[in-house]
C-alpha atoms as a PDB file:
ATOM      1  CA  MET A   1      45.522  41.598   2.047  1.00  0.00           C
ATOM      2  CA  LEU A   2      47.207  39.265   4.533  1.00  0.00           C
ATOM      3  CA  GLU A   3      44.065  37.103   4.669  1.00  0.00           C
ATOM      4  CA  THR A   4      44.041  36.866   0.861  1.00  0.00           C
ATOM      5  CA  LEU A   5      47.662  35.690   0.900  1.00  0.00           C
ATOM      6  CA  ARG A   6      46.927  33.163   3.672  1.00  0.00           C
ATOM      7  CA  VAL A   7      43.943  31.697   1.823  1.00  0.00           C
ATOM      8  CA  SER A   8      45.882  31.565  -1.456  1.00  0.00           C
ATOM      9  CA  VAL A   9      48.834  29.736   0.120  1.00  0.00           C
ATOM     10  CA  LEU A  10      46.410  27.382   1.845  1.00  0.00           C
ATOM     11  CA  PHE A  11      44.758  26.587  -1.503  1.00  0.00           C
ATOM     12  CA  VAL A  12      48.153  25.840  -3.091  1.00  0.00           C
ATOM     13  CA  LEU A  13      49.232  23.592  -0.195  1.00  0.00           C
ATOM     14  CA  THR A  14      45.895  21.800  -0.376  1.00  0.00           C
ATOM     15  CA  ALA A  15      46.325  21.192  -4.118  1.00  0.00           C
ATOM     16  CA  VAL A  16      49.896  19.913  -3.723  1.00  0.00           C
ATOM     17  CA  ALA A  17      48.793  17.497  -0.983  1.00  0.00           C
ATOM     18  CA  GLU A  18      46.007  16.135  -3.190  1.00  0.00           C
ATOM     19  CA  ILE A  19      48.235  15.789  -6.237  1.00  0.00           C
ATOM     20  CA  VAL A  20      50.970  14.005  -4.264  1.00  0.00           C
ATOM     21  CA  GLY A  21      48.328  11.735  -2.727  1.00  0.00           C
ATOM     22  CA  CYS A  22      47.160  10.744  -6.211  1.00  0.00           C
ATOM     23  CA  TYR A  23      50.523  10.777  -7.992  1.00  0.00           C
ATOM     24  CA  LEU A  24      52.183   8.249  -5.690  1.00  0.00           C
ATOM     25  CA  PRO A  25      49.555   5.521  -6.314  1.00  0.00           C
ATOM     26  CA  TRP A  26      49.874   6.305 -10.033  1.00  0.00           C
ATOM     27  CA  LEU A  27      53.593   5.569  -9.746  1.00  0.00           C
ATOM     28  CA  VAL A  28      52.778   2.248  -8.070  1.00  0.00           C
ATOM     29  CA  LEU A  29      50.036   1.189 -10.479  1.00  0.00           C
ATOM     30  CA  VAL A  30      51.391   2.505 -13.779  1.00  0.00           C
ATOM     31  CA  GLN A  31      55.151   2.483 -13.331  1.00  0.00           C
ATOM     32  CA  GLY A  32      55.427  -0.527 -11.024  1.00  0.00           C
ATOM     33  CA  ARG A  33      57.092   1.353  -8.174  1.00  0.00           C
ATOM     34  CA  THR A  34      57.179  -0.040  -4.647  1.00  0.00           C
ATOM     35  CA  PRO A  35      53.793  -0.395  -2.937  1.00  0.00           C
ATOM     36  CA  TRP A  36      55.334   1.353   0.066  1.00  0.00           C
ATOM     37  CA  LEU A  37      54.573   4.611  -1.756  1.00  0.00           C
ATOM     38  CA  LEU A  38      50.935   4.015  -0.875  1.00  0.00           C
ATOM     39  CA  LEU A  39      51.665   4.900   2.763  1.00  0.00           C
ATOM     40  CA  PRO A  40      52.862   8.465   2.089  1.00  0.00           C
ATOM     41  CA  ALA A  41      50.063   8.738  -0.485  1.00  0.00           C
ATOM     42  CA  ALA A  42      47.474   7.994   2.204  1.00  0.00           C
ATOM     43  CA  LEU A  43      49.125  10.481   4.555  1.00  0.00           C
ATOM     44  CA  ALA A  44      49.125  13.150   1.825  1.00  0.00           C
ATOM     45  CA  LEU A  45      45.420  12.596   1.171  1.00  0.00           C
ATOM     46  CA  ALA A  46      44.656  12.770   4.904  1.00  0.00           C
ATOM     47  CA  PHE A  47      46.674  16.010   5.056  1.00  0.00           C
ATOM     48  CA  PHE A  48      44.709  17.278   2.034  1.00  0.00           C
ATOM     49  CA  ALA A  49      41.389  16.591   3.782  1.00  0.00           C
ATOM     50  CA  TRP A  50      42.588  18.298   6.953  1.00  0.00           C
ATOM     51  CA  LEU A  51      43.807  21.346   5.010  1.00  0.00           C
ATOM     52  CA  LEU A  52      40.339  21.738   3.480  1.00  0.00           C
ATOM     53  CA  THR A  53      38.933  22.200   6.989  1.00  0.00           C
ATOM     54  CA  LEU A  54      41.195  25.212   7.594  1.00  0.00           C
ATOM     55  CA  HIS A  55      39.625  27.350   4.891  1.00  0.00           C
ATOM     56  CA  PRO A  56      37.434  30.164   6.242  1.00  0.00           C
ATOM     57  CA  GLN A  57      34.530  29.663   3.804  1.00  0.00           C
ATOM     58  CA  ALA A  58      31.638  27.204   3.833  1.00  0.00           C
ATOM     59  CA  ALA A  59      32.667  23.788   2.523  1.00  0.00           C
ATOM     60  CA  GLY A  60      30.875  24.021  -0.826  1.00  0.00           C
ATOM     61  CA  ARG A  61      32.342  27.434  -1.601  1.00  0.00           C
ATOM     62  CA  THR A  62      35.790  26.241  -0.539  1.00  0.00           C
ATOM     63  CA  TYR A  63      35.581  23.208  -2.853  1.00  0.00           C
ATOM     64  CA  ALA A  64      34.362  25.350  -5.748  1.00  0.00           C
ATOM     65  CA  ALA A  65      37.144  27.910  -5.358  1.00  0.00           C
ATOM     66  CA  TYR A  66      39.732  25.228  -4.674  1.00  0.00           C
ATOM     67  CA  GLY A  67      39.024  23.636  -8.052  1.00  0.00           C
ATOM     68  CA  GLY A  68      40.465  26.652  -9.867  1.00  0.00           C
ATOM     69  CA  VAL A  69      43.687  26.557  -7.882  1.00  0.00           C
ATOM     70  CA  TYR A  70      43.924  22.789  -8.335  1.00  0.00           C
ATOM     71  CA  VAL A  71      43.847  23.185 -12.133  1.00  0.00           C
ATOM     72  CA  VAL A  72      46.731  25.668 -12.085  1.00  0.00           C
ATOM     73  CA  VAL A  73      48.823  23.623  -9.635  1.00  0.00           C
ATOM     74  CA  ALA A  74      48.203  20.510 -11.770  1.00  0.00           C
ATOM     75  CA  LEU A  75      49.463  22.408 -14.822  1.00  0.00           C
ATOM     76  CA  LEU A  76      52.567  23.462 -12.878  1.00  0.00           C
ATOM     77  CA  TRP A  77      53.028  19.806 -11.872  1.00  0.00           C
ATOM     78  CA  LEU A  78      52.719  18.820 -15.537  1.00  0.00           C
ATOM     79  CA  TRP A  79      55.509  21.233 -16.369  1.00  0.00           C
ATOM     80  CA  ARG A  80      57.903  20.760 -13.426  1.00  0.00           C
ATOM     81  CA  VAL A  81      57.415  17.074 -12.537  1.00  0.00           C
ATOM     82  CA  ASP A  82      56.255  15.474 -15.791  1.00  0.00           C
ATOM     83  CA  GLY A  83      58.469  17.722 -17.909  1.00  0.00           C
ATOM     84  CA  VAL A  84      55.677  18.700 -20.299  1.00  0.00           C
ATOM     85  CA  ALA A  85      55.494  22.400 -21.112  1.00  0.00           C
ATOM     86  CA  PRO A  86      51.971  23.840 -20.842  1.00  0.00           C
ATOM     87  CA  THR A  87      50.475  25.052 -24.106  1.00  0.00           C
ATOM     88  CA  ARG A  88      49.005  28.503 -24.544  1.00  0.00           C
ATOM     89  CA  TRP A  89      45.592  26.827 -24.185  1.00  0.00           C
ATOM     90  CA  ASP A  90      46.652  25.342 -20.835  1.00  0.00           C
ATOM     91  CA  ILE A  91      47.765  28.785 -19.693  1.00  0.00           C
ATOM     92  CA  LEU A  92      44.560  30.448 -20.904  1.00  0.00           C
ATOM     93  CA  GLY A  93      42.425  27.768 -19.246  1.00  0.00           C
ATOM     94  CA  GLY A  94      44.398  28.065 -16.003  1.00  0.00           C
ATOM     95  CA  THR A  95      43.988  31.837 -16.047  1.00  0.00           C
ATOM     96  CA  ILE A  96      40.240  31.505 -16.502  1.00  0.00           C
ATOM     97  CA  CYS A  97      40.118  29.007 -13.622  1.00  0.00           C
ATOM     98  CA  LEU A  98      42.037  31.389 -11.342  1.00  0.00           C
ATOM     99  CA  LEU A  99      39.714  34.245 -12.221  1.00  0.00           C
ATOM    100  CA  GLY A 100      36.739  32.042 -11.341  1.00  0.00           C
ATOM    101  CA  MET A 101      38.397  31.001  -8.091  1.00  0.00           C
ATOM    102  CA  ALA A 102      39.049  34.624  -7.158  1.00  0.00           C
ATOM    103  CA  LEU A 103      35.416  35.563  -7.820  1.00  0.00           C
ATOM    104  CA  ILE A 104      34.208  32.742  -5.594  1.00  0.00           C
ATOM    105  CA  ALA A 105      36.772  32.934  -2.787  1.00  0.00           C
ATOM    106  CA  PHE A 106      37.195  36.684  -2.469  1.00  0.00           C
ATOM    107  CA  GLN A 107      33.669  37.943  -3.117  1.00  0.00           C
ATOM    108  CA  PRO A 108      32.361  40.710  -0.875  1.00  0.00           C
ATOM    109  CA  ARG A 109      31.083  39.277   2.377  1.00  0.00           C
ATOM    110  CA  THR A 110      27.403  39.637   3.223  1.00  0.00           C
ATOM    111  CA  VAL A 111      25.280  38.597   6.164  1.00  0.00           C
ATOM    112  CA  ALA A 112      24.593  34.854   6.068  1.00  0.00           C
ATOM    113  CA  ALA A 113      21.087  33.820   5.015  1.00  0.00           C
ATOM    114  CA  CYS A 114      20.964  31.271   7.834  1.00  0.00           C
ATOM    115  CA  PRO A 115      22.095  32.412  11.297  1.00  0.00           C
ATOM    116  CA  GLY A 116      25.028  30.411  12.569  1.00  0.00           C
ATOM    117  CA  ARG A 117      26.253  29.367   9.123  1.00  0.00           C
ATOM    118  CA  ARG A 118      29.470  30.679   7.665  1.00  0.00           C
ATOM    119  CA  THR A 119      29.263  32.547   4.344  1.00  0.00           C
END
């Protein structure tokens, strides 16, 4: 249970780092904010990439599962930062994404097909 919580928090932190890393350049390019925001944006994206390496699964499985969490965090960002309330369709879609993420990330572990590779 503790591992599930750790992986879930790690997914959320990873999504926030990616969104911040993309949102700050959006502020510069679309809203004309100071180009200095590109520096923390680059740091956030580097942090995002580093966080992805901390996940216990193989890279492809991590990216696949991460996508579901990213969708939900992006919808929360839409609501809390952009001030746009998610629709029932957003909530349904986010729920489906989280269910898919859970199936991928928390599947029963089996012996790896290739020795030395993480499952």
